[in-house]
Amino acid sequence: MTSLTHTVRQRNYFMLFLLAILATVFLLRVYLPTLLWQRTQAFVTIFLGIFIEAVPFLVAGALVSGLIAEFVSPDFLQRFSPRHPLSAAMAGGALGLTFPVCECGVVPVTRRLYRKGLPLSTGIAFLLAAPVVNPVVIASTYATYGWSYIFWWRMGAAFVIAVLIGTLFHWAKPDSVLRPEEQEAAHCACCALDAEEDAPALSRARRFWRALTVAGDEFLEMTHYLVIGCLLAAAMQVIVPQSVLLAWGQGPVLSVLALMVLAFVLSVCSTVDAFISLAFINTFSPGAVLAFLVFGPMVDIKSLLLFRQVFSRRTIVYLVMLPLLLTGIFAVAFNIVGG
């Protein structure tokens, strides 16, 4: 009953939030001058584009999270999780091959896996690698670039960077990485599993329905932060002209920095960013294009808001700065060597 009440309250809050957005747009249309209204139209268009693009993958991630919650036991994860730091991180990176989710959908899946007892290093590597190393993104990158060096270097660099960062988190303590609420949820999940061992077995249909209920709760909870992230991304695109960033297109270092900042601001879904990167091929260095394709799926504005649901503030800083640093080093080195 408590869970049902919580779900209804979340749904009501979400509907009120949407109504507030519609009312704001109506008032702006009535009272704003023409120039500002055009800017507002651009803002709404960009927001809807990012949001509609991300929602299907958030739904997919929530569904996977619900299925994991109901059908994957902590014992199963502990039995098959590697113990060696590097092996655990590599397993997390490779796990992305089985989950066709972008940077939005991977967050609820990672959170659910942590609640089931997944090692920190494996989860971090999965969180960073899955938005690139997954079947949908592999297919879209191949459709854009074929078997070119950009295809291979994108997949390889994303996997290696994710594994390196995941390995670093092997020695971290859960209470310094995860939010207290997540640690408590993981403990409660294990207690609930122990309590259910003696309970009568539920039918498969009943368990599947429970998984869908969990998925619905997960989706509603994450959607609030996705909406805020999309609003911020749209605002940044309206306030900061892309021409300012594109003006940095020359040079092996500035071009890399410019496209990493642009990837963060655009917050484009990793399933379509390869097509967008085609516009930069003749303007930016090859390393900069690779930086756009590697860093953007790992960290952008909307995923940053979703990280807040799982990780502590200090961990979020690491999850931004480490991919930024490693991707930048790789891309600049690629430019200097000559790619």
Foldseek 3Di string as FASTA:
>chain_A
DVLVVVLVVLVVVVVVVVVVVVVVLVVCVVPPDPVVNVLVVLLVVLLVVLLVQQLVLLLLLLLLLLCCLQPPALVNQVVPQDDDLLSNLLQLLQVLQVRQHFLNSLLSNLLSVVLRPRQQLSSQLNNQRNNCNYDLLLVLLCVQPNPDPLSVCLNVLSNVLSSVLSSVCNPPDPPQWWDPVSVVSSVVSNVVVVVCVPPDDDDPVVSSVSSVSSSSVSSSVLVVLLSVLSSQLSVCCSVPPLVVLLVQQDDLQSLLVSLLVVLQSSLHRLSNVSVVLVVCPVRHAPLSSSSNNRNSRQHHRSSLSSVVNITDPVNSVVSNVSSVVSSSVVSSVCVVVPD
